[in-house]
Amino acid sequence: MINSNSVQSSGGIGILGLLGVLFVGLKLAGIITWSWWYVTLPFWGGAALVLGILLIVFIGALIVAAVSK
């Protein structure tokens, strides 16, 4: 019998998380000599994307408000 109450979840580390782990490993191994800011940059990719979208929406709302006056 098939259980209809089963829950499936997908996801995982994602490309930005994978790049972040790779960069940290390369930095700790001494293969790259980048600043830690550059090494951890992929971990901030998701937050930057959300902030960018919010900024675009905010600017769009300001333009609409200015035009409707």
C-alpha atoms as a PDB file:
ATOM      1  CA  MET A   1       0.000   0.000   0.000  1.00  0.00           C
ATOM      2  CA  ILE A   2       1.243   3.519  -0.796  1.00  0.00           C
ATOM      3  CA  ASN A   3       1.523   5.901   2.128  1.00  0.00           C
ATOM      4  CA  SER A   4      -0.131   9.165   1.065  1.00  0.00           C
ATOM      5  CA  ASN A   5       1.096  10.986   4.161  1.00  0.00           C
ATOM      6  CA  SER A   6       4.756  10.796   3.233  1.00  0.00           C
ATOM      7  CA  VAL A   7       6.604  14.073   3.013  1.00  0.00           C
ATOM      8  CA  GLN A   8       9.281  14.690   0.441  1.00  0.00           C
ATOM      9  CA  SER A   9      11.647  17.571   0.637  1.00  0.00           C
ATOM     10  CA  SER A  10      14.131  18.661  -1.897  1.00  0.00           C
ATOM     11  CA  GLY A  11      16.933  21.062  -1.500  1.00  0.00           C
ATOM     12  CA  GLY A  12      20.452  20.710  -0.417  1.00  0.00           C
ATOM     13  CA  ILE A  13      23.490  22.851  -0.348  1.00  0.00           C
ATOM     14  CA  GLY A  14      22.995  24.664  -3.658  1.00  0.00           C
ATOM     15  CA  ILE A  15      25.603  26.130  -5.969  1.00  0.00           C
ATOM     16  CA  LEU A  16      26.473  29.111  -3.769  1.00  0.00           C
ATOM     17  CA  GLY A  17      26.913  26.950  -0.688  1.00  0.00           C
ATOM     18  CA  LEU A  18      29.047  24.514  -2.647  1.00  0.00           C
ATOM     19  CA  LEU A  19      31.249  27.343  -3.918  1.00  0.00           C
ATOM     20  CA  GLY A  20      31.557  28.718  -0.385  1.00  0.00           C
ATOM     21  CA  VAL A  21      32.659  25.377   1.038  1.00  0.00           C
ATOM     22  CA  LEU A  22      35.095  24.924  -1.849  1.00  0.00           C
ATOM     23  CA  PHE A  23      36.606  28.384  -1.351  1.00  0.00           C
ATOM     24  CA  VAL A  24      36.972  27.872   2.415  1.00  0.00           C
ATOM     25  CA  GLY A  25      38.696  24.538   1.830  1.00  0.00           C
ATOM     26  CA  LEU A  26      41.053  26.057  -0.730  1.00  0.00           C
ATOM     27  CA  LYS A  27      41.837  28.964   1.600  1.00  0.00           C
ATOM     28  CA  LEU A  28      42.561  26.685   4.561  1.00  0.00           C
ATOM     29  CA  ALA A  29      44.739  24.458   2.374  1.00  0.00           C
ATOM     30  CA  GLY A  30      46.767  27.498   1.320  1.00  0.00           C
ATOM     31  CA  ILE A  31      45.945  27.079  -2.370  1.00  0.00           C
ATOM     32  CA  ILE A  32      44.327  30.504  -2.656  1.00  0.00           C
ATOM     33  CA  THR A  33      45.459  33.650  -0.861  1.00  0.00           C
ATOM     34  CA  TRP A  34      42.258  35.649  -1.236  1.00  0.00           C
ATOM     35  CA  SER A  35      40.861  37.820   1.514  1.00  0.00           C
ATOM     36  CA  TRP A  36      38.334  36.105   3.760  1.00  0.00           C
ATOM     37  CA  TRP A  37      35.754  38.595   2.437  1.00  0.00           C
ATOM     38  CA  TYR A  38      36.086  37.079  -1.033  1.00  0.00           C
ATOM     39  CA  VAL A  39      36.134  33.533   0.331  1.00  0.00           C
ATOM     40  CA  THR A  40      32.857  33.956   2.234  1.00  0.00           C
ATOM     41  CA  LEU A  41      31.130  35.961  -0.508  1.00  0.00           C
ATOM     42  CA  PRO A  42      29.136  32.979  -1.881  1.00  0.00           C
ATOM     43  CA  PHE A  43      27.513  32.492   1.521  1.00  0.00           C
ATOM     44  CA  TRP A  44      26.047  35.996   1.236  1.00  0.00           C
ATOM     45  CA  GLY A  45      24.704  35.451  -2.299  1.00  0.00           C
ATOM     46  CA  GLY A  46      21.160  34.591  -1.237  1.00  0.00           C
ATOM     47  CA  ALA A  47      20.861  37.591   1.055  1.00  0.00           C
ATOM     48  CA  ALA A  48      22.256  39.882  -1.632  1.00  0.00           C
ATOM     49  CA  LEU A  49      19.702  38.565  -4.123  1.00  0.00           C
ATOM     50  CA  VAL A  50      16.807  39.216  -1.727  1.00  0.00           C
ATOM     51  CA  LEU A  51      18.090  42.709  -0.890  1.00  0.00           C
ATOM     52  CA  GLY A  52      18.509  43.481  -4.592  1.00  0.00           C
ATOM     53  CA  ILE A  53      14.937  42.446  -5.350  1.00  0.00           C
ATOM     54  CA  LEU A  54      13.611  44.481  -2.421  1.00  0.00           C
ATOM     55  CA  LEU A  55      15.569  47.510  -3.598  1.00  0.00           C
ATOM     56  CA  ILE A  56      14.125  47.217  -7.109  1.00  0.00           C
ATOM     57  CA  VAL A  57      10.584  46.921  -5.715  1.00  0.00           C
ATOM     58  CA  PHE A  58      11.149  49.941  -3.448  1.00  0.00           C
ATOM     59  CA  ILE A  59      12.475  52.080  -6.308  1.00  0.00           C
ATOM     60  CA  GLY A  60       9.558  50.976  -8.480  1.00  0.00           C
ATOM     61  CA  ALA A  61       7.109  51.973  -5.743  1.00  0.00           C
ATOM     62  CA  LEU A  62       8.763  55.382  -5.433  1.00  0.00           C
ATOM     63  CA  ILE A  63       8.520  55.927  -9.197  1.00  0.00           C
ATOM     64  CA  VAL A  64       4.847  54.916  -9.250  1.00  0.00           C
ATOM     65  CA  ALA A  65       4.105  57.238  -6.315  1.00  0.00           C
ATOM     66  CA  ALA A  66       5.913  60.135  -7.988  1.00  0.00           C
ATOM     67  CA  VAL A  67       4.121  59.650 -11.310  1.00  0.00           C
ATOM     68  CA  SER A  68       0.669  59.381  -9.728  1.00  0.00           C
ATOM     69  CA  LYS A  69       0.956  62.796  -7.984  1.00  0.00           C
END
